[in-house]
Each structure stands twice: as C-alpha cells, then as structure tokens.
Protein backbone atom coordinates (compact mmCIF):
# COMPACT_ATOMS: atom_id res chain seq x y z
CA MET A 1 -33.93 2.84 6.13
CA MET A 2 -32.46 -0.77 5.26
CA MET A 3 -28.78 -0.30 4.10
CA SER A 4 -27.69 -2.20 0.76
CA LEU A 5 -24.48 -4.00 0.19
CA HIS A 6 -22.30 -2.34 -2.46
CA ARG A 7 -20.42 -4.97 -4.14
CA LEU A 8 -17.16 -4.72 -6.02
CA PHE A 9 -15.46 -7.43 -7.93
CA VAL A 10 -11.83 -8.37 -8.68
CA TRP A 11 -10.52 -10.83 -10.51
CA VAL A 12 -6.45 -11.86 -9.97
CA PRO A 13 -5.25 -13.27 -13.12
CA ALA A 14 -3.25 -16.59 -13.25
CA LEU A 15 0.26 -15.11 -12.98
CA ALA A 16 -0.88 -13.26 -9.88
CA LEU A 17 -2.26 -16.29 -8.49
CA LEU A 18 1.29 -18.27 -8.87
CA TYR A 19 2.92 -15.33 -7.25
CA ILE A 20 0.61 -14.98 -4.27
CA VAL A 21 0.69 -18.93 -3.99
CA ASN A 22 4.37 -19.21 -3.89
CA SER A 23 4.76 -16.35 -1.30
CA SER A 24 2.39 -17.66 1.20
CA GLY A 25 1.43 -20.84 3.36
CA ILE A 26 -2.37 -21.05 2.20
CA SER A 27 -1.72 -22.85 -1.03
CA ALA A 28 2.00 -23.31 -1.27
CA SER A 29 1.53 -27.33 -2.58
CA LEU A 30 -0.97 -26.23 -5.12
CA VAL A 31 -0.60 -27.77 -8.41
CA THR A 32 -1.91 -26.13 -11.31
CA THR A 33 -0.65 -28.73 -14.41
CA GLN A 34 -2.93 -31.81 -15.41
CA MET A 35 -2.25 -34.83 -13.41
CA THR A 36 -3.18 -38.55 -13.34
CA PHE A 37 -4.70 -40.08 -10.46
CA GLU A 38 -1.56 -42.15 -10.00
CA GLU A 39 0.21 -38.99 -9.70
CA VAL A 40 -2.14 -36.99 -7.46
CA THR A 41 -2.58 -40.28 -5.02
CA THR A 42 1.44 -40.50 -4.52
CA GLN A 43 1.91 -36.62 -4.14
CA ALA A 44 -1.09 -35.81 -2.00
CA ALA A 45 -0.45 -36.21 1.97
CA VAL A 46 -4.25 -37.11 2.20
CA ILE A 47 -7.06 -38.66 0.45
CA VAL A 48 -10.44 -38.25 1.78
CA LEU A 49 -14.02 -39.51 0.80
CA GLY A 50 -16.80 -37.31 2.43
CA ARG A 51 -19.62 -34.86 1.85
CA VAL A 52 -19.73 -31.19 2.21
CA THR A 53 -21.67 -29.81 5.03
CA LYS A 54 -20.84 -25.99 5.04
CA ILE A 55 -19.58 -23.48 2.68
CA PRO A 56 -19.81 -19.78 4.13
CA GLU A 57 -21.66 -17.32 2.26
CA LEU A 58 -18.87 -14.80 2.86
CA ALA A 59 -15.04 -15.40 2.98
CA ILE A 60 -12.30 -14.50 5.16
CA CYS A 61 -9.81 -11.59 4.44
CA ASP A 62 -6.61 -12.20 6.21
CA ARG A 63 -5.40 -8.58 6.43
CA ALA A 64 -1.56 -9.88 7.16
CA THR A 65 -1.30 -11.96 4.03
CA ARG A 66 -3.88 -10.01 1.97
CA HIS A 67 -5.39 -13.53 1.20
CA VAL A 68 -9.25 -14.21 0.96
CA TYR A 69 -10.43 -17.59 1.40
CA ARG A 70 -13.39 -19.74 2.78
CA ARG A 71 -13.04 -21.92 5.84
CA ASN A 72 -15.39 -24.76 4.27
CA VAL A 73 -16.47 -28.11 6.34
CA VAL A 74 -16.52 -31.54 4.87
CA GLN A 75 -17.85 -34.86 6.95
CA VAL A 76 -15.39 -37.38 6.44
CA GLU A 77 -16.75 -40.77 5.38
CA LYS A 78 -13.45 -42.56 4.89
CA TYR A 79 -9.84 -41.70 4.89
CA LEU A 80 -8.39 -43.39 2.04
CA LYS A 81 -4.69 -42.15 2.59
CA GLY A 82 -3.11 -40.63 5.56
CA ALA A 83 -5.38 -39.62 8.61
CA GLY A 84 -6.82 -36.66 10.13
CA PRO A 85 -9.64 -35.08 12.51
CA THR A 86 -12.97 -36.77 12.61
CA PRO A 87 -15.96 -36.46 11.91
CA GLU A 88 -15.29 -33.33 10.25
CA ILE A 89 -12.34 -31.68 8.67
CA GLU A 90 -11.94 -27.75 7.47
CA VAL A 91 -11.01 -27.34 3.68
CA LEU A 92 -9.65 -23.99 2.69
CA THR A 93 -10.55 -22.49 -0.71
CA LEU A 94 -9.13 -19.23 -2.09
CA GLY A 95 -11.52 -16.41 -3.17
CA GLY A 96 -15.04 -15.31 -2.36
CA GLU A 97 -17.17 -12.31 -1.30
CA PHE A 98 -16.06 -10.49 1.85
CA VAL A 99 -16.87 -7.70 4.06
CA THR A 100 -14.52 -4.52 3.35
CA ASP A 101 -13.53 -2.13 6.17
CA GLY A 102 -15.79 0.69 6.43
CA LEU A 103 -19.06 1.83 4.67
CA GLY A 104 -19.79 3.10 1.08
CA LEU A 105 -22.60 5.37 0.21
CA GLN A 106 -25.02 2.45 -0.12
CA GLY A 107 -24.03 0.78 3.16
CA PRO A 108 -21.42 -2.13 4.01
CA ARG A 109 -19.26 -2.88 1.01
CA ILE A 110 -18.90 -6.59 -0.16
CA GLN A 111 -15.67 -7.24 -2.39
CA ALA A 112 -15.34 -10.26 -4.49
CA VAL A 113 -11.84 -11.97 -5.24
CA ASP A 114 -11.60 -14.60 -8.09
CA TYR A 115 -8.24 -16.15 -8.22
CA GLY A 116 -9.16 -17.71 -11.40
CA LEU A 117 -7.33 -21.29 -11.03
CA GLU A 118 -7.89 -22.16 -7.45
CA PRO A 119 -10.24 -25.11 -7.15
CA GLN A 120 -13.46 -24.88 -5.19
CA LEU A 121 -15.80 -27.39 -3.73
CA PRO A 122 -19.34 -28.28 -5.03
CA PRO A 123 -22.51 -27.23 -3.35
CA VAL A 124 -23.62 -28.34 0.24
CA GLY A 125 -24.72 -32.10 0.31
CA SER A 126 -22.16 -33.18 -2.35
CA GLU A 127 -20.26 -36.57 -1.87
CA VAL A 128 -16.45 -35.82 -2.99
CA LEU A 129 -12.92 -37.57 -3.03
CA LEU A 130 -10.45 -35.11 -2.11
CA PHE A 131 -6.69 -34.93 -2.40
CA LEU A 132 -5.44 -32.85 0.19
CA ASN A 133 -2.16 -31.48 2.02
CA PRO A 134 -2.49 -30.34 5.55
CA PHE A 135 -2.36 -26.61 6.72
CA ALA A 136 -2.06 -24.79 9.86
CA GLY A 137 -0.30 -28.05 11.97
CA GLY A 138 -2.87 -30.26 10.33
CA GLU A 139 -6.13 -28.28 11.83
CA ALA A 140 -6.89 -27.67 8.20
CA PHE A 141 -6.38 -28.66 4.92
CA ILE A 142 -5.42 -27.09 1.28
CA ILE A 143 -6.61 -28.86 -2.07
CA TYR A 144 -3.55 -30.47 -3.69
CA SER A 145 -4.28 -30.32 -7.42
CA VAL A 146 -6.22 -28.02 -9.63
CA THR A 147 -7.23 -30.79 -11.94
CA HIS A 148 -7.57 -33.58 -9.78
CA GLY A 149 -7.78 -32.50 -6.31
CA VAL A 150 -11.74 -32.42 -6.11
CA ILE A 151 -13.79 -34.88 -7.77
CA ARG A 152 -17.43 -35.43 -7.42
CA VAL A 153 -19.26 -38.69 -6.62
CA GLN A 154 -21.65 -39.69 -9.07
CA GLU A 155 -24.68 -41.53 -8.59
CA GLY A 156 -24.51 -45.03 -10.62
CA GLU A 157 -27.37 -45.98 -12.89
CA LYS A 158 -30.15 -48.07 -11.64
CA GLY A 159 -29.10 -50.74 -9.57
CA GLN A 160 -25.24 -49.70 -9.76
CA GLU A 161 -23.02 -48.42 -7.58
CA ARG A 162 -21.98 -44.84 -6.83
CA PHE A 163 -18.72 -44.11 -8.68
CA VAL A 164 -15.95 -41.65 -9.56
CA SER A 165 -14.15 -40.85 -13.16
CA LEU A 166 -10.64 -40.82 -12.57
CA LEU A 167 -7.84 -40.02 -14.92
CA ILE A 168 -5.59 -43.13 -15.24
CA SER A 169 -2.26 -44.16 -16.97
CA ASN A 170 -1.35 -47.29 -15.78
CA PRO A 171 -3.57 -50.32 -17.25
CA ASP A 172 -3.04 -52.13 -14.20
CA LEU A 173 -5.58 -49.91 -12.49
CA LEU A 174 -7.98 -49.98 -14.90
CA SER A 175 -11.24 -51.78 -15.32
CA PRO A 176 -10.98 -54.81 -17.72
CA ALA A 177 -13.16 -52.72 -19.89
CA ALA A 178 -10.98 -49.72 -19.83
CA ALA A 179 -7.77 -51.63 -20.05
CA ALA A 180 -8.92 -53.24 -23.01
CA ARG A 181 -9.69 -49.82 -24.62
CA PHE A 182 -6.41 -48.63 -23.28
CA ARG A 183 -4.28 -51.34 -24.87
CA ALA A 184 -6.45 -51.17 -28.32
CA MET A 185 -4.89 -47.46 -28.14
CA THR A 186 -1.53 -48.43 -27.10
CA PRO A 187 -0.67 -52.18 -28.39
CA GLU A 188 3.13 -51.97 -27.18
CA ALA A 189 1.81 -51.25 -23.46
CA SER A 190 1.06 -54.53 -21.69
CA SER A 191 1.54 -53.26 -18.18
CA GLY A 192 2.82 -50.54 -16.17
CA SER A 193 2.27 -46.64 -17.03
CA GLY A 194 1.23 -45.99 -20.65
CA SER A 195 1.82 -43.06 -22.92
CA ILE A 196 -1.64 -41.85 -22.25
CA ALA A 197 -4.33 -41.39 -19.92
CA ILE A 198 -7.72 -42.55 -20.25
CA ALA A 199 -10.90 -41.65 -17.80
CA ASP A 200 -12.49 -44.53 -15.91
CA ARG A 201 -15.45 -45.27 -13.73
CA VAL A 202 -14.51 -46.26 -10.03
CA ALA A 203 -16.96 -47.44 -7.52
CA VAL A 204 -16.91 -46.08 -4.33
CA SER A 205 -16.39 -49.42 -2.84
CA ALA A 206 -13.27 -50.25 -4.80
CA LEU A 207 -11.44 -46.52 -4.17
CA LYS A 208 -9.41 -47.93 -0.95
CA ALA A 209 -8.22 -50.78 -2.95
CA THR A 210 -7.50 -48.80 -6.08
CA VAL A 211 -5.40 -46.11 -3.83
CA ASP A 212 -3.47 -48.85 -2.17
CA LYS A 213 -2.69 -50.49 -5.49
CA ALA A 214 -1.83 -47.19 -6.83
CA LEU A 215 0.59 -46.57 -3.83
CA ASN A 216 2.16 -50.11 -3.94
CA LEU A 217 3.10 -49.79 -8.02
CA LYS A 218 4.83 -46.63 -7.08
CA ARG A 219 6.88 -48.26 -4.38
CA LYS A 220 7.73 -51.03 -6.70
CA ALA A 221 8.91 -48.41 -9.32
CA PRO A 222 10.51 -45.45 -7.37
CA GLY A 223 12.40 -44.03 -10.51
CA ALA A 224 9.23 -43.86 -12.46
CA GLY A 225 8.64 -40.28 -13.53
CA GLY A 226 5.60 -38.82 -15.02
CA VAL A 227 4.12 -39.62 -18.54
CA PRO A 228 2.60 -37.45 -20.95
CA LYS A 229 -1.35 -36.96 -21.01
CA ALA A 230 -3.86 -37.41 -23.59
CA PRO A 231 -5.31 -34.02 -24.60
C-alpha cells in the first residue's frame, strides 16, 4: 500500500525570527529594514549577477541549531563586487518543507516552517541580482537584505536590454530621466544623496559600472550616513 505524506505547517513570527537570526550563524547578517541600492551595495560583501538553477523541493532541518533551510544553487554570470566560486554558488534560504523523524498514521511526516521575513529566490531559470554575505568560510552565501537582497532581472521592451529596478537616493547614480524627476521632487538636491529614494531602471550591461560608481561615491564621503526613504 502506498503511504501518503502527512503535512504540518509551522509559522515562525517576525520576533521569533529576529531571535533565531541573532542566535545563530546562518543569517546573522540579515538586514530587515528598507535599504537603498547604495546602502546594500556598500554593506554586502558580494554582489552577483546569476541565474537560479536549483531550488530543492525539500529543505534541511539542522538538528543542532533547529534551523530549517534550503541549499539553492545559482549559476554565476558575473561578480559585480567581491569574488567567490565559479561557475556556481550555493545560496542558503531559511524555511521550507522537511521530513520529520518517524512516521505518522498516514506515513512519513512533512513539516513546513515559514520564517515570515526571510527572503527567498524566484523560480528556477530566473535571472537575479544578489547581494550576499559569505557563510561557512565562503563555501556558501546568505542573502544580505530582506528588501534589497534579491532583485529579479526583467526583460526589456522590444529592442531594449534586460534591466533591474533599483531603489536609489543619490541623483548621481540615476538615469537622466530619473534624475530629472528626482530633482523636481527635491529642488534643493544638486548632487549627493537626497532626502528621498526613487526606483530607476538600470540596464544589465550598466550594472558593473553603477556598482563601482556607488562604491566610489561612498569612499569619497566616508562619514555619510543613511537617508530617510520614500514610503
């Protein structure tokens, strides 16, 4: 007789997530507040343009730390900041379904854990821009930011290049059209970080130059802090 899987769902609320995150090594660097492109670019250790090639159906439950996570695989197209393995990297994400110990009345038991705030990768085949920190001595990576850690690459309109949408607060990093909108909203801002952040399209071919420029601007203003974000 074929055995069925018995599923149990568990949701880990945000406060519990923050406790778990801070008491382990898996996501000790996870940032849950809204961030701009400039902030996450300067703070994340590694920035990768790549393609999701594997998301396991079942997660792993670490009995020692009681963490549940998936060991996903991303094919590296280019390192935009930092360095790491090629041609693939392993990116850990918290949560998912895993097989529990023992059997239930209906067969093997599957338990699902949802950490709520933890970022996840899009489906296999998706091209992504990832902001990461190394884990396990650089053998794997974790996503740095909830709000700006995983950005899906989008197809351009007919005849246009693929692009990503980035939240930017410095007009020096914006496209001419977006910079004009930015300055219309904040006439007092001529250069440097403004008091708001707006979304702008950045072509894939321009990502490396945009990352380098953001890092150079940060080096020129080492004492600059964060800025309030637009709602």
